Amino acid sequence: MSWKNGLGITTELEVYPPGSDFAKGNFLWRLSCARIEADNQFSEFTGYDRKLVVLSGDGLILNDLYLPPFHVHSFRGEDQIQCSLVKKVVEDLGIIYKRDSCQCRMDIVELPRSARWEMDQGIHFITSLKGVVACDEIELGDGDFLRFEGPGDVVMQTPERQGLVLCISIRS
């Protein structure tokens, strides 16, 4: 779907609550991936906060801040963000969430071999950023997401020397 400002395209992974419409602005949060092919300005989302991570490419310049791959950047939806490519096309993953109704964490976890991730109440996503990762014996490759609800924990393992995982938690 098109960005709110029409300057790019995003793939919506999930919008919450079910039945809400991102285009109408009646959502609590939205998780999406975007392909950034040219310098642009981010859409404005008054009343929302945002988190963003570069998944591929050499990174972005957001205003004067360099955002390298696999680092989380948080900002307010009202912020005027001028985005420039460092070198070439970038794919990012972002979440937009209503600040007065939701809390969100987006963490990069390095796996030496195995780690346990404890989750509070909410909706949680895990995706592998580097290497094959098994989450409670469900194997995740590039581009795969695992979704959990509620409190609990998950054991993440990698057969490689080191894995890199993105963990997202949203609580309404």
N, C-alpha and C. Protein backbone atom coordinates (compact mmCIF):
# COMPACT_ATOMS: atom_id res chain seq x y z
N MET A 1 0.83 -1.18 0.00
CA MET A 1 0.00 0.00 0.00
C MET A 1 0.88 1.24 0.00
N SER A 2 0.32 2.36 -0.44
CA SER A 2 1.07 3.61 -0.49
C SER A 2 1.29 4.18 0.91
N TRP A 3 2.41 4.89 1.07
CA TRP A 3 2.63 5.63 2.30
C TRP A 3 1.54 6.69 2.43
N LYS A 4 1.33 7.14 3.64
CA LYS A 4 0.34 8.17 3.91
C LYS A 4 0.60 9.41 3.06
N ASN A 5 1.88 9.77 2.87
CA ASN A 5 2.22 10.96 2.08
C ASN A 5 2.40 10.66 0.59
N GLY A 6 2.23 9.38 0.20
CA GLY A 6 2.29 9.01 -1.20
C GLY A 6 3.69 8.92 -1.79
N LEU A 7 4.74 9.05 -0.97
CA LEU A 7 6.11 9.07 -1.49
C LEU A 7 6.78 7.70 -1.56
N GLY A 8 6.07 6.64 -1.22
CA GLY A 8 6.64 5.30 -1.27
C GLY A 8 5.58 4.25 -1.04
N ILE A 9 6.04 3.01 -0.95
CA ILE A 9 5.14 1.87 -0.77
C ILE A 9 5.62 1.04 0.41
N THR A 10 4.67 0.50 1.16
CA THR A 10 4.97 -0.34 2.31
C THR A 10 4.15 -1.63 2.23
N THR A 11 4.66 -2.67 2.86
CA THR A 11 3.92 -3.92 2.99
C THR A 11 3.44 -4.02 4.43
N GLU A 12 2.15 -4.00 4.61
CA GLU A 12 1.57 -4.07 5.95
C GLU A 12 1.61 -5.52 6.42
N LEU A 13 2.28 -5.76 7.55
CA LEU A 13 2.35 -7.11 8.11
C LEU A 13 1.18 -7.37 9.04
N GLU A 14 0.83 -6.37 9.85
CA GLU A 14 -0.35 -6.50 10.72
C GLU A 14 -0.77 -5.11 11.17
N VAL A 15 -2.08 -4.92 11.24
CA VAL A 15 -2.66 -3.72 11.81
C VAL A 15 -3.61 -4.17 12.92
N TYR A 16 -3.64 -3.40 14.02
CA TYR A 16 -4.41 -3.81 15.21
C TYR A 16 -5.23 -2.63 15.71
N PRO A 17 -6.45 -2.90 16.16
CA PRO A 17 -7.11 -4.19 16.31
C PRO A 17 -7.62 -4.72 14.97
N PRO A 18 -7.93 -6.02 14.95
CA PRO A 18 -8.47 -6.60 13.71
C PRO A 18 -9.69 -5.81 13.24
N GLY A 19 -9.75 -5.58 11.96
CA GLY A 19 -10.86 -4.83 11.39
C GLY A 19 -10.60 -3.33 11.31
N SER A 20 -9.52 -2.86 11.94
CA SER A 20 -9.19 -1.44 11.83
C SER A 20 -8.60 -1.16 10.45
N ASP A 21 -8.62 0.10 10.08
CA ASP A 21 -8.17 0.49 8.74
C ASP A 21 -7.08 1.56 8.89
N PHE A 22 -5.88 1.22 8.49
CA PHE A 22 -4.75 2.15 8.59
C PHE A 22 -5.04 3.45 7.85
N ALA A 23 -5.61 3.33 6.66
CA ALA A 23 -5.88 4.52 5.84
C ALA A 23 -6.86 5.47 6.53
N LYS A 24 -7.77 4.93 7.32
CA LYS A 24 -8.75 5.76 8.04
C LYS A 24 -8.19 6.27 9.37
N GLY A 25 -7.05 5.74 9.79
CA GLY A 25 -6.43 6.21 11.03
C GLY A 25 -7.10 5.68 12.29
N ASN A 26 -7.89 4.62 12.18
CA ASN A 26 -8.57 4.07 13.36
C ASN A 26 -7.88 2.80 13.86
N PHE A 27 -6.55 2.88 14.01
CA PHE A 27 -5.76 1.73 14.45
C PHE A 27 -4.99 2.09 15.71
N LEU A 28 -4.62 1.07 16.49
CA LEU A 28 -3.76 1.28 17.66
C LEU A 28 -2.29 1.14 17.26
N TRP A 29 -2.00 0.15 16.40
CA TRP A 29 -0.63 -0.02 15.92
C TRP A 29 -0.61 -0.72 14.58
N ARG A 30 0.51 -0.51 13.87
CA ARG A 30 0.73 -1.18 12.59
C ARG A 30 2.20 -1.54 12.46
N LEU A 31 2.45 -2.78 12.06
CA LEU A 31 3.79 -3.29 11.77
C LEU A 31 3.90 -3.43 10.26
N SER A 32 4.99 -2.87 9.68
CA SER A 32 5.12 -2.92 8.23
C SER A 32 6.58 -2.88 7.80
N CYS A 33 6.82 -3.31 6.56
CA CYS A 33 8.14 -3.23 5.91
C CYS A 33 8.02 -2.27 4.74
N ALA A 34 9.05 -1.45 4.56
CA ALA A 34 9.06 -0.51 3.43
C ALA A 34 10.37 -0.64 2.68
N ARG A 35 10.29 -0.44 1.39
CA ARG A 35 11.47 -0.37 0.54
C ARG A 35 11.68 1.10 0.21
N ILE A 36 12.82 1.63 0.64
CA ILE A 36 13.12 3.04 0.40
C ILE A 36 14.11 3.12 -0.75
N GLU A 37 13.66 3.70 -1.85
CA GLU A 37 14.46 3.73 -3.07
C GLU A 37 15.04 5.11 -3.38
N ALA A 38 14.56 6.13 -2.67
CA ALA A 38 15.04 7.50 -2.93
C ALA A 38 14.87 8.33 -1.66
N ASP A 39 15.57 9.44 -1.62
CA ASP A 39 15.42 10.37 -0.51
C ASP A 39 13.96 10.81 -0.44
N ASN A 40 13.47 11.06 0.77
CA ASN A 40 12.07 11.39 0.94
C ASN A 40 11.84 12.04 2.31
N GLN A 41 10.60 12.33 2.59
CA GLN A 41 10.22 12.81 3.92
C GLN A 41 9.21 11.81 4.49
N PHE A 42 9.38 11.47 5.76
CA PHE A 42 8.47 10.52 6.40
C PHE A 42 7.09 11.14 6.58
N SER A 43 6.08 10.29 6.52
CA SER A 43 4.71 10.72 6.79
C SER A 43 4.56 11.13 8.24
N GLU A 44 3.64 12.05 8.48
CA GLU A 44 3.38 12.52 9.84
C GLU A 44 2.24 11.70 10.46
N PHE A 45 2.41 11.32 11.73
CA PHE A 45 1.40 10.57 12.48
C PHE A 45 1.25 11.19 13.87
N THR A 46 0.45 12.24 13.94
CA THR A 46 0.22 12.94 15.20
C THR A 46 -0.42 12.00 16.21
N GLY A 47 0.14 11.97 17.44
CA GLY A 47 -0.40 11.13 18.51
C GLY A 47 0.18 9.73 18.54
N TYR A 48 1.07 9.43 17.60
CA TYR A 48 1.67 8.10 17.53
C TYR A 48 3.18 8.21 17.76
N ASP A 49 3.78 7.13 18.22
CA ASP A 49 5.23 7.00 18.28
C ASP A 49 5.64 5.95 17.26
N ARG A 50 6.93 5.98 16.88
CA ARG A 50 7.41 5.08 15.84
C ARG A 50 8.74 4.47 16.24
N LYS A 51 8.97 3.25 15.79
CA LYS A 51 10.26 2.59 15.91
C LYS A 51 10.60 2.04 14.54
N LEU A 52 11.88 2.10 14.20
CA LEU A 52 12.32 1.73 12.86
C LEU A 52 13.67 1.03 12.95
N VAL A 53 13.85 -0.01 12.12
CA VAL A 53 15.13 -0.70 12.02
C VAL A 53 15.41 -0.98 10.54
N VAL A 54 16.64 -0.73 10.11
CA VAL A 54 17.06 -1.03 8.74
C VAL A 54 17.39 -2.51 8.66
N LEU A 55 16.74 -3.21 7.73
CA LEU A 55 16.95 -4.65 7.56
C LEU A 55 17.99 -4.96 6.48
N SER A 56 18.05 -4.13 5.44
CA SER A 56 19.02 -4.37 4.37
C SER A 56 19.45 -3.03 3.77
N GLY A 57 20.62 -3.03 3.17
CA GLY A 57 21.18 -1.82 2.61
C GLY A 57 22.22 -1.25 3.57
N ASP A 58 22.72 -0.06 3.23
CA ASP A 58 23.82 0.54 3.99
C ASP A 58 23.37 1.49 5.08
N GLY A 59 22.06 1.65 5.25
CA GLY A 59 21.56 2.52 6.30
C GLY A 59 20.91 3.76 5.74
N LEU A 60 20.41 4.58 6.67
CA LEU A 60 19.70 5.81 6.33
C LEU A 60 20.29 6.99 7.12
N ILE A 61 20.09 8.16 6.59
CA ILE A 61 20.34 9.39 7.33
C ILE A 61 18.96 9.97 7.61
N LEU A 62 18.60 10.05 8.89
CA LEU A 62 17.31 10.61 9.30
C LEU A 62 17.61 11.96 9.93
N ASN A 63 17.25 13.02 9.21
CA ASN A 63 17.70 14.37 9.52
C ASN A 63 19.23 14.32 9.51
N ASP A 64 19.91 14.49 10.61
CA ASP A 64 21.37 14.40 10.60
C ASP A 64 21.89 13.15 11.31
N LEU A 65 21.01 12.22 11.64
CA LEU A 65 21.38 11.02 12.39
C LEU A 65 21.59 9.84 11.43
N TYR A 66 22.74 9.18 11.54
CA TYR A 66 23.00 7.97 10.75
C TYR A 66 22.36 6.78 11.46
N LEU A 67 21.49 6.07 10.75
CA LEU A 67 20.86 4.85 11.26
C LEU A 67 21.44 3.67 10.49
N PRO A 68 22.41 2.94 11.11
CA PRO A 68 23.00 1.78 10.43
C PRO A 68 22.04 0.59 10.47
N PRO A 69 22.30 -0.43 9.67
CA PRO A 69 21.48 -1.64 9.74
C PRO A 69 21.50 -2.24 11.14
N PHE A 70 20.38 -2.82 11.51
CA PHE A 70 20.20 -3.58 12.74
C PHE A 70 20.35 -2.74 14.01
N HIS A 71 19.96 -1.47 13.94
CA HIS A 71 19.88 -0.60 15.11
C HIS A 71 18.48 0.00 15.13
N VAL A 72 17.88 0.06 16.30
CA VAL A 72 16.52 0.57 16.44
C VAL A 72 16.56 2.08 16.67
N HIS A 73 15.72 2.79 15.94
CA HIS A 73 15.57 4.24 16.12
C HIS A 73 14.12 4.52 16.51
N SER A 74 13.92 5.30 17.56
CA SER A 74 12.59 5.67 18.04
C SER A 74 12.37 7.16 17.82
N PHE A 75 11.15 7.54 17.43
CA PHE A 75 10.83 8.95 17.24
C PHE A 75 9.33 9.15 17.31
N ARG A 76 8.93 10.39 17.46
CA ARG A 76 7.51 10.75 17.55
C ARG A 76 6.93 10.89 16.14
N GLY A 77 5.67 10.52 16.00
CA GLY A 77 5.01 10.62 14.70
C GLY A 77 4.90 12.04 14.17
N GLU A 78 4.95 13.04 15.07
CA GLU A 78 4.88 14.44 14.67
C GLU A 78 6.21 14.97 14.14
N ASP A 79 7.29 14.28 14.46
CA ASP A 79 8.62 14.75 14.05
C ASP A 79 8.71 14.86 12.53
N GLN A 80 9.31 15.93 12.07
CA GLN A 80 9.57 16.11 10.64
C GLN A 80 10.89 15.38 10.35
N ILE A 81 10.80 14.26 9.64
CA ILE A 81 11.97 13.43 9.36
C ILE A 81 12.29 13.47 7.88
N GLN A 82 13.45 14.03 7.56
CA GLN A 82 13.97 13.99 6.20
C GLN A 82 14.86 12.75 6.10
N CYS A 83 14.58 11.88 5.16
CA CYS A 83 15.28 10.60 5.03
C CYS A 83 16.14 10.60 3.77
N SER A 84 17.41 10.24 3.94
CA SER A 84 18.33 10.13 2.80
C SER A 84 18.98 8.75 2.82
N LEU A 85 19.17 8.18 1.66
CA LEU A 85 19.87 6.91 1.54
C LEU A 85 21.36 7.13 1.72
N VAL A 86 22.03 6.18 2.38
CA VAL A 86 23.48 6.27 2.50
C VAL A 86 24.12 5.95 1.16
N LYS A 87 23.72 4.85 0.53
CA LYS A 87 24.27 4.47 -0.79
C LYS A 87 23.17 3.99 -1.72
N LYS A 88 22.51 2.92 -1.33
CA LYS A 88 21.55 2.29 -2.24
C LYS A 88 20.24 2.00 -1.52
N VAL A 89 19.37 1.29 -2.19
CA VAL A 89 18.04 0.96 -1.69
C VAL A 89 18.13 0.29 -0.32
N VAL A 90 17.17 0.65 0.55
CA VAL A 90 17.10 0.12 1.92
C VAL A 90 15.73 -0.51 2.13
N GLU A 91 15.71 -1.61 2.85
CA GLU A 91 14.44 -2.17 3.33
C GLU A 91 14.43 -1.98 4.84
N ASP A 92 13.31 -1.48 5.35
CA ASP A 92 13.20 -1.27 6.79
C ASP A 92 11.97 -1.97 7.34
N LEU A 93 11.94 -2.08 8.64
CA LEU A 93 10.79 -2.61 9.37
C LEU A 93 10.42 -1.55 10.39
N GLY A 94 9.16 -1.20 10.44
CA GLY A 94 8.74 -0.17 11.37
C GLY A 94 7.44 -0.49 12.04
N ILE A 95 7.28 0.09 13.21
CA ILE A 95 6.00 -0.01 13.91
C ILE A 95 5.57 1.40 14.28
N ILE A 96 4.29 1.67 14.08
CA ILE A 96 3.66 2.93 14.45
C ILE A 96 2.61 2.56 15.50
N TYR A 97 2.65 3.22 16.66
CA TYR A 97 1.70 2.85 17.72
C TYR A 97 1.20 4.09 18.45
N LYS A 98 -0.07 4.05 18.83
CA LYS A 98 -0.72 5.17 19.50
C LYS A 98 -0.13 5.31 20.90
N ARG A 99 0.52 6.43 21.17
CA ARG A 99 1.30 6.56 22.41
C ARG A 99 0.45 6.58 23.66
N ASP A 100 -0.80 7.03 23.60
CA ASP A 100 -1.61 7.07 24.81
C ASP A 100 -2.37 5.77 25.06
N SER A 101 -2.22 4.79 24.15
CA SER A 101 -2.93 3.51 24.29
C SER A 101 -2.02 2.29 24.29
N CYS A 102 -0.78 2.44 23.83
CA CYS A 102 0.10 1.28 23.66
C CYS A 102 1.50 1.56 24.20
N GLN A 103 2.18 0.48 24.50
CA GLN A 103 3.61 0.50 24.79
C GLN A 103 4.25 -0.48 23.81
N CYS A 104 5.45 -0.14 23.35
CA CYS A 104 6.11 -1.00 22.38
C CYS A 104 7.60 -1.06 22.67
N ARG A 105 8.14 -2.26 22.54
CA ARG A 105 9.59 -2.47 22.62
C ARG A 105 10.04 -3.14 21.33
N MET A 106 11.19 -2.72 20.85
CA MET A 106 11.81 -3.34 19.68
C MET A 106 13.27 -3.51 20.06
N ASP A 107 13.70 -4.77 20.21
CA ASP A 107 15.04 -5.07 20.69
C ASP A 107 15.78 -5.96 19.71
N ILE A 108 17.06 -5.66 19.51
CA ILE A 108 17.96 -6.52 18.75
C ILE A 108 18.66 -7.42 19.78
N VAL A 109 18.56 -8.74 19.57
CA VAL A 109 19.14 -9.71 20.50
C VAL A 109 20.22 -10.51 19.78
N GLU A 110 21.42 -10.49 20.33
CA GLU A 110 22.51 -11.30 19.79
C GLU A 110 22.46 -12.67 20.46
N LEU A 111 22.48 -13.71 19.65
CA LEU A 111 22.45 -15.08 20.17
C LEU A 111 23.82 -15.70 20.04
N PRO A 112 24.49 -15.96 21.15
CA PRO A 112 25.76 -16.68 21.05
C PRO A 112 25.51 -18.12 20.60
N ARG A 113 24.48 -18.72 21.04
CA ARG A 113 23.98 -20.04 20.63
C ARG A 113 22.51 -20.18 21.03
N SER A 114 22.22 -19.72 22.26
CA SER A 114 20.87 -19.88 22.79
C SER A 114 20.55 -18.75 23.76
N ALA A 115 19.28 -18.35 23.77
CA ALA A 115 18.82 -17.32 24.70
C ALA A 115 17.34 -17.54 24.98
N ARG A 116 16.93 -17.12 26.15
CA ARG A 116 15.51 -17.20 26.51
C ARG A 116 14.97 -15.77 26.51
N TRP A 117 13.81 -15.57 25.86
CA TRP A 117 13.17 -14.27 25.83
C TRP A 117 11.88 -14.37 26.61
N GLU A 118 11.79 -13.60 27.68
CA GLU A 118 10.59 -13.59 28.52
C GLU A 118 9.68 -12.47 28.04
N MET A 119 8.41 -12.82 27.81
CA MET A 119 7.44 -11.88 27.28
C MET A 119 6.36 -11.58 28.31
N ASP A 120 6.02 -10.31 28.44
CA ASP A 120 4.90 -9.89 29.28
C ASP A 120 3.62 -10.07 28.48
N GLN A 121 2.52 -9.62 29.06
CA GLN A 121 1.24 -9.63 28.35
C GLN A 121 1.36 -8.79 27.09
N GLY A 122 0.76 -9.24 26.00
CA GLY A 122 0.77 -8.46 24.76
C GLY A 122 0.91 -9.34 23.54
N ILE A 123 1.26 -8.70 22.43
CA ILE A 123 1.49 -9.38 21.17
C ILE A 123 2.97 -9.21 20.85
N HIS A 124 3.60 -10.30 20.42
CA HIS A 124 5.06 -10.32 20.24
C HIS A 124 5.41 -10.91 18.88
N PHE A 125 6.47 -10.37 18.28
CA PHE A 125 6.98 -10.86 17.00
C PHE A 125 8.47 -11.12 17.14
N ILE A 126 8.94 -12.17 16.47
CA ILE A 126 10.36 -12.47 16.40
C ILE A 126 10.69 -12.70 14.93
N THR A 127 11.81 -12.12 14.48
CA THR A 127 12.31 -12.38 13.13
C THR A 127 13.83 -12.47 13.18
N SER A 128 14.39 -13.34 12.38
CA SER A 128 15.84 -13.49 12.32
C SER A 128 16.41 -12.41 11.41
N LEU A 129 17.44 -11.74 11.89
CA LEU A 129 18.14 -10.74 11.09
C LEU A 129 19.41 -11.30 10.48
N LYS A 130 19.98 -12.32 11.15
CA LYS A 130 21.23 -12.90 10.67
C LYS A 130 21.27 -14.37 11.08
N GLY A 131 21.35 -15.24 10.12
CA GLY A 131 21.43 -16.67 10.41
C GLY A 131 20.07 -17.30 10.61
N VAL A 132 20.08 -18.61 10.64
CA VAL A 132 18.87 -19.39 10.91
C VAL A 132 18.69 -19.44 12.42
N VAL A 133 17.46 -19.20 12.87
CA VAL A 133 17.16 -19.21 14.29
C VAL A 133 15.95 -20.09 14.52
N ALA A 134 16.03 -20.94 15.53
CA ALA A 134 14.89 -21.77 15.93
C ALA A 134 14.31 -21.17 17.20
N CYS A 135 12.99 -20.98 17.19
CA CYS A 135 12.26 -20.48 18.35
C CYS A 135 11.32 -21.58 18.80
N ASP A 136 11.63 -22.15 19.97
CA ASP A 136 10.87 -23.30 20.44
C ASP A 136 10.70 -24.33 19.32
N GLU A 137 11.80 -24.58 18.62
CA GLU A 137 11.92 -25.59 17.58
C GLU A 137 11.21 -25.23 16.27
N ILE A 138 10.73 -24.00 16.13
CA ILE A 138 10.19 -23.52 14.86
C ILE A 138 11.30 -22.72 14.19
N GLU A 139 11.71 -23.17 13.00
CA GLU A 139 12.85 -22.56 12.33
C GLU A 139 12.44 -21.31 11.56
N LEU A 140 13.20 -20.23 11.79
CA LEU A 140 12.97 -18.97 11.09
C LEU A 140 14.14 -18.69 10.16
N GLY A 141 13.85 -18.42 8.91
CA GLY A 141 14.85 -17.99 7.96
C GLY A 141 14.64 -16.52 7.63
N ASP A 142 15.34 -16.01 6.64
CA ASP A 142 15.20 -14.61 6.24
C ASP A 142 13.75 -14.29 5.90
N GLY A 143 13.25 -13.23 6.48
CA GLY A 143 11.90 -12.76 6.16
C GLY A 143 10.78 -13.46 6.91
N ASP A 144 11.10 -14.48 7.70
CA ASP A 144 10.07 -15.19 8.46
C ASP A 144 9.80 -14.46 9.78
N PHE A 145 8.52 -14.41 10.16
CA PHE A 145 8.11 -13.82 11.43
C PHE A 145 7.36 -14.87 12.23
N LEU A 146 7.58 -14.85 13.52
CA LEU A 146 6.82 -15.69 14.43
C LEU A 146 6.04 -14.75 15.33
N ARG A 147 4.76 -15.04 15.54
CA ARG A 147 3.88 -14.18 16.34
C ARG A 147 3.41 -14.95 17.56
N PHE A 148 3.49 -14.31 18.72
CA PHE A 148 3.02 -14.90 19.99
C PHE A 148 2.06 -13.93 20.64
N GLU A 149 1.16 -14.45 21.48
CA GLU A 149 0.30 -13.60 22.30
C GLU A 149 0.40 -14.03 23.75
N GLY A 150 0.22 -13.03 24.63
CA GLY A 150 0.18 -13.30 26.06
C GLY A 150 1.54 -13.34 26.70
N PRO A 151 1.56 -13.56 28.00
CA PRO A 151 2.86 -13.71 28.67
C PRO A 151 3.43 -15.10 28.40
N GLY A 152 4.72 -15.22 28.58
CA GLY A 152 5.38 -16.51 28.41
C GLY A 152 6.84 -16.30 28.09
N ASP A 153 7.47 -17.34 27.64
CA ASP A 153 8.86 -17.21 27.22
C ASP A 153 9.11 -18.14 26.06
N VAL A 154 10.17 -17.84 25.33
CA VAL A 154 10.54 -18.63 24.17
C VAL A 154 12.06 -18.82 24.21
N VAL A 155 12.49 -20.01 23.82
CA VAL A 155 13.93 -20.28 23.72
C VAL A 155 14.32 -20.12 22.26
N MET A 156 15.31 -19.24 22.03
CA MET A 156 15.80 -18.98 20.68
C MET A 156 17.19 -19.61 20.58
N GLN A 157 17.41 -20.38 19.50
CA GLN A 157 18.70 -21.05 19.31
C GLN A 157 19.16 -20.87 17.88
N THR A 158 20.48 -20.88 17.71
CA THR A 158 21.04 -20.84 16.37
C THR A 158 22.14 -21.90 16.27
N PRO A 159 22.20 -22.63 15.15
CA PRO A 159 23.28 -23.61 14.98
C PRO A 159 24.59 -22.94 14.59
N GLU A 160 24.53 -21.67 14.25
CA GLU A 160 25.71 -20.95 13.81
C GLU A 160 26.44 -20.35 15.01
N ARG A 161 27.56 -19.76 14.77
CA ARG A 161 28.35 -19.17 15.86
C ARG A 161 27.59 -18.03 16.53
N GLN A 162 26.86 -17.28 15.74
CA GLN A 162 26.12 -16.17 16.30
C GLN A 162 24.94 -15.84 15.42
N GLY A 163 23.80 -15.60 16.05
CA GLY A 163 22.60 -15.17 15.34
C GLY A 163 22.20 -13.79 15.81
N LEU A 164 21.36 -13.16 15.04
CA LEU A 164 20.85 -11.84 15.39
C LEU A 164 19.35 -11.87 15.18
N VAL A 165 18.61 -11.48 16.21
CA VAL A 165 17.16 -11.60 16.20
C VAL A 165 16.54 -10.25 16.56
N LEU A 166 15.43 -9.92 15.93
CA LEU A 166 14.65 -8.75 16.28
C LEU A 166 13.42 -9.22 17.04
N CYS A 167 13.24 -8.71 18.25
CA CYS A 167 12.09 -9.06 19.09
C CYS A 167 11.24 -7.80 19.29
N ILE A 168 9.96 -7.93 19.04
CA ILE A 168 9.03 -6.80 19.16
C ILE A 168 7.92 -7.20 20.12
N SER A 169 7.60 -6.33 21.07
CA SER A 169 6.50 -6.54 22.01
C SER A 169 5.60 -5.31 22.00
N ILE A 170 4.30 -5.56 21.90
CA ILE A 170 3.31 -4.47 21.91
C ILE A 170 2.27 -4.81 22.97
N ARG A 171 2.02 -3.83 23.83
CA ARG A 171 1.00 -4.01 24.87
C ARG A 171 0.01 -2.85 24.79
N SER A 172 -1.28 -3.21 24.68
CA SER A 172 -2.32 -2.18 24.62
C SER A 172 -2.99 -2.04 25.97
